[in-house]
Protein backbone atom coordinates (compact mmCIF):
# COMPACT_ATOMS: atom_id res chain seq x y z
CA UNK A 1 0.00 0.00 0.00
CA UNK A 2 1.25 3.48 -0.75
CA UNK A 3 1.90 5.93 2.05
CA UNK A 4 -1.20 8.01 2.83
CA UNK A 5 -1.20 11.50 4.29
CA UNK A 6 -4.35 12.46 6.17
CA UNK A 7 -5.79 15.81 5.10
CA UNK A 8 -9.53 15.28 4.62
CA UNK A 9 -11.09 12.29 6.35
CA UNK A 10 -13.64 11.46 3.67
CA UNK A 11 -11.11 11.70 0.87
CA UNK A 12 -8.54 9.75 2.84
CA UNK A 13 -10.95 6.96 3.70
CA UNK A 14 -11.74 6.57 0.01
CA UNK A 15 -8.03 6.44 -0.80
CA UNK A 16 -7.32 4.01 2.00
CA UNK A 17 -10.16 1.79 0.86
CA UNK A 18 -8.84 1.79 -2.71
CA UNK A 19 -5.26 1.20 -1.55
CA UNK A 20 -6.20 -1.97 0.29
CA UNK A 21 -7.01 -3.69 -3.00
CA UNK A 22 -9.65 -6.29 -3.67
CA UNK A 23 -10.00 -9.11 -1.12
CA UNK A 24 -9.93 -12.74 -2.16
CA UNK A 25 -13.16 -13.74 -3.89
CA UNK A 26 -15.79 -14.98 -1.45
CA UNK A 27 -13.67 -14.22 1.59
CA UNK A 28 -14.16 -11.40 4.08
CA UNK A 29 -11.15 -9.21 4.73
CA UNK A 30 -9.90 -8.75 8.31
CA UNK A 31 -8.00 -5.50 8.69
CA UNK A 32 -6.11 -4.59 11.85
CA UNK A 33 -5.27 -0.97 12.72
CA UNK A 34 -2.75 -0.19 15.42
CA UNK A 35 -0.19 2.39 16.50
CA UNK A 36 2.96 2.11 18.57
CA UNK A 37 1.91 4.85 21.00
CA UNK A 38 -1.36 6.05 22.43
CA UNK A 39 -2.87 9.23 21.07
CA UNK A 40 -2.02 8.62 17.40
CA UNK A 41 -5.68 8.60 16.31
CA UNK A 42 -6.02 4.92 15.42
CA UNK A 43 -9.56 4.58 16.77
CA UNK A 44 -10.76 7.57 14.76
CA UNK A 45 -9.35 6.14 11.55
CA UNK A 46 -10.77 2.67 12.25
CA UNK A 47 -14.20 4.15 12.94
CA UNK A 48 -14.18 6.40 9.89
CA UNK A 49 -13.10 3.55 7.64
CA UNK A 50 -15.92 1.37 8.95
CA UNK A 51 -18.37 4.22 8.38
CA UNK A 52 -17.09 4.77 4.83
CA UNK A 53 -17.14 1.08 3.91
CA UNK A 54 -20.69 0.62 5.19
CA UNK A 55 -22.20 3.84 3.85
CA UNK A 56 -20.33 4.48 0.62
CA UNK A 57 -18.96 1.09 -0.41
CA UNK A 58 -22.09 -0.80 0.64
CA UNK A 59 -20.21 -3.43 2.62
CA UNK A 60 -21.33 -5.38 5.67
CA UNK A 61 -18.83 -4.24 8.29
CA UNK A 62 -17.94 -5.30 11.81
CA UNK A 63 -15.87 -2.90 13.91
CA UNK A 64 -14.30 -5.03 16.65
CA UNK A 65 -12.88 -3.00 19.52
CA UNK A 66 -9.99 -4.74 21.31
CA UNK A 67 -9.72 -1.99 23.93
CA UNK A 68 -12.00 -4.10 26.08
CA UNK A 69 -11.93 -2.20 29.34
CA UNK A 70 -12.83 1.16 27.77
CA UNK A 71 -14.82 0.24 24.62
CA UNK A 72 -14.17 3.69 23.09
CA UNK A 73 -15.71 2.85 19.73
CA UNK A 74 -19.17 2.17 21.13
CA UNK A 75 -18.95 5.32 23.25
CA UNK A 76 -17.82 7.52 20.34
CA UNK A 77 -20.48 6.26 17.94
CA UNK A 78 -23.20 6.61 20.56
CA UNK A 79 -22.10 10.19 21.24
CA UNK A 80 -22.38 11.08 17.52
CA UNK A 81 -25.55 9.20 16.62
CA UNK A 82 -26.76 12.04 14.38
CA UNK A 83 -23.78 11.37 12.12
CA UNK A 84 -23.26 7.64 12.39
CA UNK A 85 -26.80 6.49 13.14
CA UNK A 86 -28.52 5.26 16.27
CA UNK A 87 -26.81 2.45 18.13
CA UNK A 88 -29.10 -0.56 18.40
CA UNK A 89 -29.78 -2.93 21.27
CA UNK A 90 -27.07 -5.43 22.25
CA UNK A 91 -26.97 -8.71 20.38
CA UNK A 92 -24.74 -11.76 20.47
CA UNK A 93 -21.34 -10.93 19.00
CA UNK A 94 -20.20 -14.51 18.40
CA UNK A 95 -21.74 -16.61 15.61
CA UNK A 96 -20.83 -19.94 17.19
CA UNK A 97 -19.81 -19.32 20.80
CA UNK A 98 -16.13 -18.83 20.05
CA UNK A 99 -14.43 -15.64 21.23
CA UNK A 100 -11.00 -14.01 21.08
CA UNK A 101 -10.47 -13.62 24.83
CA UNK A 102 -10.58 -15.59 28.05
CA UNK A 103 -12.02 -14.51 31.40
CA UNK A 104 -10.20 -15.80 34.48
CA UNK A 105 -11.40 -17.10 36.84
CA UNK A 106 -14.54 -18.25 35.06
CA UNK A 107 -17.85 -17.09 36.50
CA UNK A 108 -20.77 -19.38 37.22
CA UNK A 109 -24.34 -18.76 36.13
CA UNK A 110 -27.43 -19.30 38.32
CA UNK A 111 -27.44 -22.94 37.24
CA UNK A 112 -23.91 -23.46 38.56
CA UNK A 113 -22.44 -23.91 35.09
CA UNK A 114 -19.57 -21.74 33.77
CA UNK A 115 -20.72 -18.53 32.12
CA UNK A 116 -19.48 -18.60 28.49
CA UNK A 117 -16.78 -16.04 27.74
CA UNK A 118 -18.59 -15.05 24.52
CA UNK A 119 -21.44 -13.58 26.59
CA UNK A 120 -19.14 -10.79 27.76
CA UNK A 121 -19.07 -9.30 24.25
CA UNK A 122 -22.08 -7.56 22.71
CA UNK A 123 -22.60 -6.32 19.16
CA UNK A 124 -24.67 -3.25 18.31
CA UNK A 125 -26.01 -2.40 14.89
CA UNK A 126 -25.32 1.19 13.87
CA UNK A 127 -28.13 3.04 12.07
CA UNK A 128 -29.62 1.59 8.91
CA UNK A 129 -26.33 0.69 7.27
CA UNK A 130 -24.95 -2.82 7.55
CA UNK A 131 -22.36 -2.21 10.21
CA UNK A 132 -21.89 -3.31 13.76
CA UNK A 133 -19.69 -2.22 16.63
CA UNK A 134 -18.70 -4.40 19.57
CA UNK A 135 -18.70 -3.53 23.26
CA UNK A 136 -17.14 -5.58 26.03
CA UNK A 137 -19.50 -5.96 28.98
CA UNK A 138 -17.05 -4.83 31.60
CA UNK A 139 -19.88 -4.40 34.10
CA UNK A 140 -20.39 -8.18 34.06
CA UNK A 141 -16.95 -8.85 35.53
CA UNK A 142 -16.91 -9.90 39.16
CA UNK A 143 -14.27 -9.59 41.84
CA UNK A 144 -10.75 -10.17 40.56
CA UNK A 145 -11.69 -11.47 37.14
CA UNK A 146 -9.28 -10.52 34.38
CA UNK A 147 -9.49 -10.73 30.58
CA UNK A 148 -6.76 -12.00 28.26
CA UNK A 149 -6.62 -11.86 24.45
CA UNK A 150 -6.18 -15.35 22.99
CA UNK A 151 -3.82 -16.44 20.19
CA UNK A 152 -6.63 -18.28 18.43
CA UNK A 153 -8.25 -17.83 15.04
CA UNK A 154 -11.57 -19.54 15.78
CA UNK A 155 -13.59 -16.37 16.35
CA UNK A 156 -12.18 -14.58 13.33
CA UNK A 157 -12.87 -17.57 11.09
CA UNK A 158 -16.47 -17.74 12.31
CA UNK A 159 -17.07 -14.01 11.88
CA UNK A 160 -15.90 -14.02 8.25
CA UNK A 161 -19.19 -15.67 7.27
CA UNK A 162 -21.21 -12.67 8.47
CA UNK A 163 -19.28 -9.69 7.12
CA UNK A 164 -17.51 -8.36 4.05
CA UNK A 165 -15.02 -6.37 6.11
CA UNK A 166 -13.90 -6.83 9.72
CA UNK A 167 -11.96 -3.89 11.14
CA UNK A 168 -10.04 -4.66 14.32
CA UNK A 169 -9.15 -1.59 16.37
CA UNK A 170 -6.22 -2.55 18.62
CA UNK A 171 -4.88 -0.67 21.64
CA UNK A 172 -1.49 0.91 21.02
CA UNK A 173 1.64 -1.16 21.46
CA UNK A 174 2.72 0.78 24.54
CA UNK A 175 -0.48 -0.28 26.30
CA UNK A 176 -1.12 -3.83 25.17
CA UNK A 177 0.23 -6.83 23.28
CA UNK A 178 -3.17 -7.48 21.71
CA UNK A 179 -2.04 -6.48 18.21
CA UNK A 180 0.81 -8.98 18.09
CA UNK A 181 -1.35 -11.68 19.68
CA UNK A 182 -4.02 -11.52 16.97
CA UNK A 183 -1.62 -10.60 14.13
CA UNK A 184 -1.43 -14.12 12.62
CA UNK A 185 -5.20 -14.15 12.08
CA UNK A 186 -5.44 -10.77 10.34
CA UNK A 187 -5.26 -10.43 6.55
CA UNK A 188 -3.63 -7.01 6.67
CA UNK A 189 -2.28 -4.62 9.28
CA UNK A 190 -2.16 -0.85 8.83
CA UNK A 191 0.01 1.09 11.24
CA UNK A 192 -1.03 4.59 12.23
CA UNK A 193 1.83 7.01 12.82
CA UNK A 194 1.65 10.66 13.81
CA UNK A 195 3.39 12.59 11.05
CA UNK A 196 4.65 15.23 13.48
CA UNK A 197 6.58 12.66 15.51
CA UNK A 198 10.32 12.90 14.87
CA UNK A 199 11.35 9.80 16.87
CA UNK A 200 10.62 6.81 14.67
CA UNK A 201 12.09 4.17 16.98
CA UNK A 202 8.84 3.11 18.67
CA UNK A 203 6.87 2.69 15.40
CA UNK A 204 9.80 0.84 13.84
CA UNK A 205 10.02 -1.55 16.79
CA UNK A 206 6.26 -2.07 16.60
CA UNK A 207 6.47 -2.82 12.89
CA UNK A 208 9.20 -5.40 13.52
CA UNK A 209 7.20 -6.99 16.35
CA UNK A 210 4.10 -7.24 14.18
CA UNK A 211 6.04 -8.73 11.28
CA UNK A 212 7.74 -11.18 13.60
CA UNK A 213 4.34 -12.25 14.94
CA UNK A 214 3.13 -13.03 11.42
CA UNK A 215 1.42 -9.78 10.41
CA UNK A 216 1.23 -8.57 6.84
CA UNK A 217 2.00 -4.89 7.45
CA UNK A 218 0.29 -3.52 4.36
CA UNK A 219 1.23 0.11 4.90
CA UNK A 220 1.31 3.22 7.02
CA UNK A 221 -1.33 5.86 7.60
CA UNK A 222 0.20 9.19 8.57
CA UNK A 223 -2.10 11.11 10.88
CA UNK A 224 -2.01 14.86 11.51
CA UNK A 225 0.10 15.43 8.42
CA UNK A 226 0.34 18.19 5.85
CA UNK A 227 0.19 17.36 2.16
CA UNK A 228 3.96 16.83 2.27
CA UNK A 229 5.39 13.39 2.98
CA UNK A 230 6.56 13.22 6.60
CA UNK A 231 10.35 13.59 6.79
CA UNK A 232 10.93 10.25 8.52
CA UNK A 233 8.88 8.18 6.06
CA UNK A 234 11.77 6.86 4.02
CA UNK A 235 13.80 5.95 7.09
CA UNK A 236 10.82 4.10 8.58
CA UNK A 237 10.34 1.99 5.46
CA UNK A 238 13.95 0.89 5.17
């Protein structure tokens, strides 16, 4: 993918969409977006790309938020319902009971049986377009329960049957290892880098970690840039 410089969101989403190329016939594309450091704008780009693909490209889109404790995507879309559309009631987010995380220790339901991990994740339809956003049910956690992202492809394989595009918004590398954990199950990874950042070491290390984990790093998306190519771009791509 060519380097993209963010000037106008609508125009850039169209360019990013075109740059990704056509997915394999009959197979949904899973696209991971991640940055090395917090505050780079990854969630905004993931959300806008989902919005563009659903509204303008007519695709069935799932926006899967891996920032489980905060669920910023659901909050942001709900806060701007006039633009994105009303957020619907929660529905099951797993087609077959599989899920990409594990809750420890497992909780028990009223019947004494373990509460399935998949029930901690809800999916909400957004407006009339065919797109969905996930929200982790943090309020359902009890006591010292913790959540861990799993190195398993079962959930992603199951979800492919219900979407044309799955956008995975990962927490930044300085906060979480989620991106490298799920990297082998993504079709493409786009790194978001702030164009005004002069120190390229953290993004470069993140790129190497992703590649080492099996990611196909398809390209970079330069956020907060002018129309000029950021000065560190060539060094980053070496």
